[in-house]
Amino acid sequence: MGLKLNGSSSGSVELNAPADTTSGADVVLTLPVNDGDANQFLQTNGSGTLTWATETTTNLTRGTAVATTSGSEIDFTSLPTGIRKLTVVLDEVGGDSIANIRLQLSTGSTFLTTGYVSSSARIQNGSTSTVASSTNSFVLLNNDNAAREWFGAFTVFNVTGNIWVCAGSANEDSAVRSCVAGGRVDLGGTLDGIRLTLTDSFDTGQVNIYYEV
């Protein structure tokens, strides 16, 4: 059985109930008190009350690439509140020494330099490996030669509260070398910046970030 509503001049709209409900009982649906906003949809609370709701989407934002050709710190600051996943992408990044390339997070515009539990393993020619660790940063690449140029991606994930976990990998472009990295830190506040750093100076490549809010 349906409910037919006639148009003021012609035509009609008919609403039809199903032949039977799942439980065989009467179903009561209560409509919202207004007509909602543009692009909203009807949402149920599971008990028959319908309300207008706005679809939520996860947008991937790409930052602006920064050349890693000088200086010892590459910062991305003033990040929006609500980031839960952030990826740092390295494109042929290298330094002028064998210093390890590291990552630090900031809260309240201050980069945290303590409390990290982090390590990175470098695998060479599939047979030998070397491990580096750090408590003042996420150590991404335990570099063994100033000529190395690395490409890869490292992602920090917000687990809960202000706890962040880092994971990722990179390869070196002139030989069979790979680095994998992982770590954890309690940031103690809302993430608002990320820094790629090493002891000496960067001399080649570029870096960018991607994040989801």
Protein backbone atom coordinates (compact mmCIF):
# COMPACT_ATOMS: atom_id res chain seq x y z
CA MET A 1 0.00 0.00 0.00
CA GLY A 2 1.27 3.42 -0.89
CA LEU A 3 0.69 7.05 -0.02
CA LYS A 4 0.17 9.17 -3.12
CA LEU A 5 0.72 12.93 -3.04
CA ASN A 6 -0.72 14.85 -5.98
CA GLY A 7 1.12 17.82 -7.43
CA SER A 8 -0.62 21.21 -7.33
CA SER A 9 -1.01 21.24 -11.13
CA SER A 10 -0.22 17.75 -12.41
CA GLY A 11 1.60 14.52 -11.57
CA SER A 12 2.08 12.84 -8.23
CA VAL A 13 4.63 11.29 -5.88
CA GLU A 14 3.89 7.95 -4.28
CA LEU A 15 5.56 6.51 -1.19
CA ASN A 16 5.29 2.73 -0.87
CA ALA A 17 5.91 0.55 2.17
CA PRO A 18 7.64 -2.82 1.71
CA ALA A 19 5.45 -5.90 1.41
CA ASP A 20 6.69 -6.98 4.84
CA THR A 21 9.17 -5.67 7.38
CA THR A 22 12.10 -7.78 8.55
CA SER A 23 10.54 -8.40 11.95
CA GLY A 24 6.95 -8.38 10.78
CA ALA A 25 6.22 -5.52 13.17
CA ASP A 26 5.12 -1.98 12.41
CA VAL A 27 7.91 0.48 11.62
CA VAL A 28 7.57 4.12 12.62
CA LEU A 29 9.87 6.70 11.01
CA THR A 30 9.92 10.24 12.40
CA LEU A 31 10.97 12.91 9.90
CA PRO A 32 13.23 15.88 10.79
CA VAL A 33 11.73 19.18 11.88
CA ASN A 34 13.16 21.08 8.86
CA ASP A 35 14.31 20.57 5.26
CA GLY A 36 18.05 20.43 6.07
CA ASP A 37 20.90 22.03 4.12
CA ALA A 38 22.12 21.53 0.57
CA ASN A 39 23.77 18.12 -0.08
CA GLN A 40 22.73 16.65 3.28
CA PHE A 41 21.18 13.19 3.56
CA LEU A 42 18.70 11.48 5.89
CA GLN A 43 20.32 9.53 8.70
CA THR A 44 18.64 7.20 11.17
CA ASN A 45 19.50 6.71 14.81
CA GLY A 46 18.48 3.06 14.55
CA SER A 47 15.25 3.68 16.46
CA GLY A 48 13.20 5.35 13.77
CA THR A 49 14.25 8.97 14.23
CA LEU A 50 15.54 10.54 11.01
CA THR A 51 17.82 13.57 10.96
CA TRP A 52 19.73 15.47 8.30
CA ALA A 53 23.46 14.72 8.25
CA THR A 54 26.44 15.99 6.29
CA GLU A 55 28.72 13.49 4.60
CA THR A 56 32.23 13.49 6.06
CA THR A 57 35.15 12.77 3.76
CA THR A 58 38.86 12.29 4.32
CA ASN A 59 40.84 14.68 2.15
CA LEU A 60 44.47 14.07 1.26
CA THR A 61 46.41 17.34 1.24
CA ARG A 62 49.79 17.72 -0.43
CA GLY A 63 52.20 20.31 0.91
CA THR A 64 54.67 22.38 -1.11
CA ALA A 65 57.87 20.55 -2.04
CA VAL A 66 61.03 21.95 -0.43
CA ALA A 67 64.53 21.52 -1.86
CA THR A 68 66.92 19.66 0.44
CA THR A 69 70.01 21.30 -1.02
CA SER A 70 71.23 23.34 1.96
CA GLY A 71 70.86 23.70 5.72
CA SER A 72 70.36 20.98 8.31
CA GLU A 73 66.62 21.37 8.98
CA ILE A 74 63.60 21.26 6.68
CA ASP A 75 60.44 22.30 8.54
CA PHE A 76 56.75 22.03 7.72
CA THR A 77 54.92 24.09 10.33
CA SER A 78 51.46 25.53 11.08
CA LEU A 79 49.84 22.20 10.25
CA PRO A 80 46.05 22.09 10.73
CA THR A 81 44.51 20.58 13.85
CA GLY A 82 43.08 17.10 13.48
CA ILE A 83 45.79 15.36 11.45
CA ARG A 84 45.77 11.63 12.12
CA LYS A 85 48.18 10.48 9.41
CA LEU A 86 51.11 12.33 7.83
CA THR A 87 53.58 11.06 5.25
CA VAL A 88 56.99 12.53 4.47
CA VAL A 89 58.17 11.76 0.92
CA LEU A 90 61.89 11.89 0.07
CA ASP A 91 63.08 12.36 -3.50
CA GLU A 92 66.84 11.73 -3.90
CA VAL A 93 67.57 13.32 -0.52
CA GLY A 94 71.19 13.32 0.61
CA GLY A 95 73.65 15.10 2.86
CA ASP A 96 77.26 16.23 2.71
CA SER A 97 78.37 13.63 5.26
CA ILE A 98 77.37 10.19 6.55
CA ALA A 99 75.05 11.71 9.18
CA ASN A 100 71.76 9.90 9.78
CA ILE A 101 68.62 11.57 8.46
CA ARG A 102 66.02 12.00 11.20
CA LEU A 103 62.46 13.22 11.78
CA GLN A 104 61.07 15.27 14.69
CA LEU A 105 57.50 16.31 15.57
CA SER A 106 56.40 19.58 17.15
CA THR A 107 53.59 20.69 19.42
CA GLY A 108 52.96 24.26 20.49
CA SER A 109 55.48 25.32 17.80
CA THR A 110 58.26 23.51 19.72
CA PHE A 111 60.00 20.47 18.26
CA LEU A 112 60.25 17.57 20.67
CA THR A 113 63.83 16.33 21.20
CA THR A 114 63.27 13.66 23.86
CA GLY A 115 61.16 10.57 24.46
CA TYR A 116 61.42 8.87 21.07
CA VAL A 117 61.84 5.11 20.84
CA SER A 118 63.19 4.68 17.33
CA SER A 119 65.43 2.52 15.16
CA SER A 120 66.35 2.09 11.51
CA ALA A 121 67.96 -0.88 9.76
CA ARG A 122 70.07 -0.51 6.63
CA ILE A 123 70.21 -3.58 4.42
CA GLN A 124 73.02 -3.82 1.87
CA ASN A 125 73.09 -6.23 -1.08
CA GLY A 126 70.62 -8.45 0.74
CA SER A 127 73.33 -9.87 2.99
CA THR A 128 74.51 -7.35 5.57
CA SER A 129 72.63 -4.93 7.79
CA THR A 130 73.36 -2.16 10.26
CA VAL A 131 70.99 -0.75 12.87
CA ALA A 132 70.83 2.80 14.27
CA SER A 133 68.63 3.97 17.16
CA SER A 134 67.60 7.30 18.64
CA THR A 135 65.72 8.83 21.58
CA ASN A 136 65.76 12.43 20.29
CA SER A 137 64.03 11.79 16.95
CA PHE A 138 62.71 9.17 14.59
CA VAL A 139 65.86 7.95 12.85
CA LEU A 140 64.88 7.25 9.24
CA LEU A 141 68.09 6.60 7.36
CA ASN A 142 71.32 5.35 8.91
CA ASN A 143 73.47 6.67 6.10
CA ASP A 144 76.90 5.19 5.38
CA ASN A 145 78.17 7.42 2.55
CA ALA A 146 77.88 11.12 1.72
CA ALA A 147 77.20 10.20 -1.92
CA ARG A 148 73.96 8.39 -1.11
CA GLU A 149 70.71 9.80 -2.49
CA TRP A 150 67.58 8.30 -0.91
CA PHE A 151 64.00 8.07 -2.11
CA GLY A 152 61.06 6.69 -0.18
CA ALA A 153 58.29 7.56 2.28
CA PHE A 154 57.84 7.58 6.05
CA THR A 155 54.45 7.92 7.72
CA VAL A 156 53.53 8.95 11.25
CA PHE A 157 50.20 7.64 12.56
CA ASN A 158 48.21 9.00 15.49
CA VAL A 159 47.32 5.92 17.56
CA THR A 160 45.34 7.64 20.31
CA GLY A 161 45.64 10.88 22.26
CA ASN A 162 49.07 12.33 21.49
CA ILE A 163 50.83 9.03 20.79
CA TRP A 164 52.40 8.76 17.34
CA VAL A 165 53.99 5.78 15.61
CA CYS A 166 56.37 6.09 12.65
CA ALA A 167 56.96 3.51 9.92
CA GLY A 168 58.46 3.60 6.45
CA SER A 169 61.25 2.70 4.07
CA ALA A 170 63.60 4.17 1.46
CA ASN A 171 66.06 2.96 -1.17
CA GLU A 172 69.36 4.38 -2.35
CA ASP A 173 69.51 5.12 -6.06
CA SER A 174 72.97 3.89 -7.03
CA ALA A 175 73.28 0.54 -5.24
CA VAL A 176 71.28 -2.24 -3.63
CA ARG A 177 70.65 -0.55 -0.28
CA SER A 178 67.41 -0.10 1.63
CA CYS A 179 66.46 1.37 5.00
CA VAL A 180 63.40 0.48 7.06
CA ALA A 181 62.44 2.48 10.13
CA GLY A 182 59.96 2.44 12.98
CA GLY A 183 59.36 4.20 16.27
CA ARG A 184 57.01 5.68 18.83
CA VAL A 185 56.67 8.92 20.77
CA ASP A 186 54.15 10.54 23.12
CA LEU A 187 54.11 14.09 21.77
CA GLY A 188 52.36 15.49 24.84
CA GLY A 189 50.22 17.85 22.77
CA THR A 190 48.62 18.44 19.38
CA LEU A 191 50.84 17.91 16.33
CA ASP A 192 51.51 21.19 14.51
CA GLY A 193 54.81 20.65 12.72
CA ILE A 194 57.30 18.13 11.38
CA ARG A 195 61.04 18.48 10.72
CA LEU A 196 63.48 16.54 8.57
CA THR A 197 66.97 17.02 9.99
CA LEU A 198 70.53 15.76 10.04
CA THR A 199 73.71 16.76 11.90
CA ASP A 200 75.44 18.43 8.96
CA SER A 201 73.87 19.83 5.79
CA PHE A 202 71.56 18.56 3.08
CA ASP A 203 73.03 18.86 -0.40
CA THR A 204 70.63 17.23 -2.85
CA GLY A 205 67.00 16.32 -3.48
CA GLN A 206 63.62 17.51 -2.29
CA VAL A 207 60.98 16.57 0.28
CA ASN A 208 57.23 16.99 0.59
CA ILE A 209 54.42 15.97 2.93
CA TYR A 210 50.94 14.51 2.54
CA TYR A 211 48.39 14.47 5.35
CA GLU A 212 44.83 13.50 6.12
CA VAL A 213 42.45 15.39 8.41
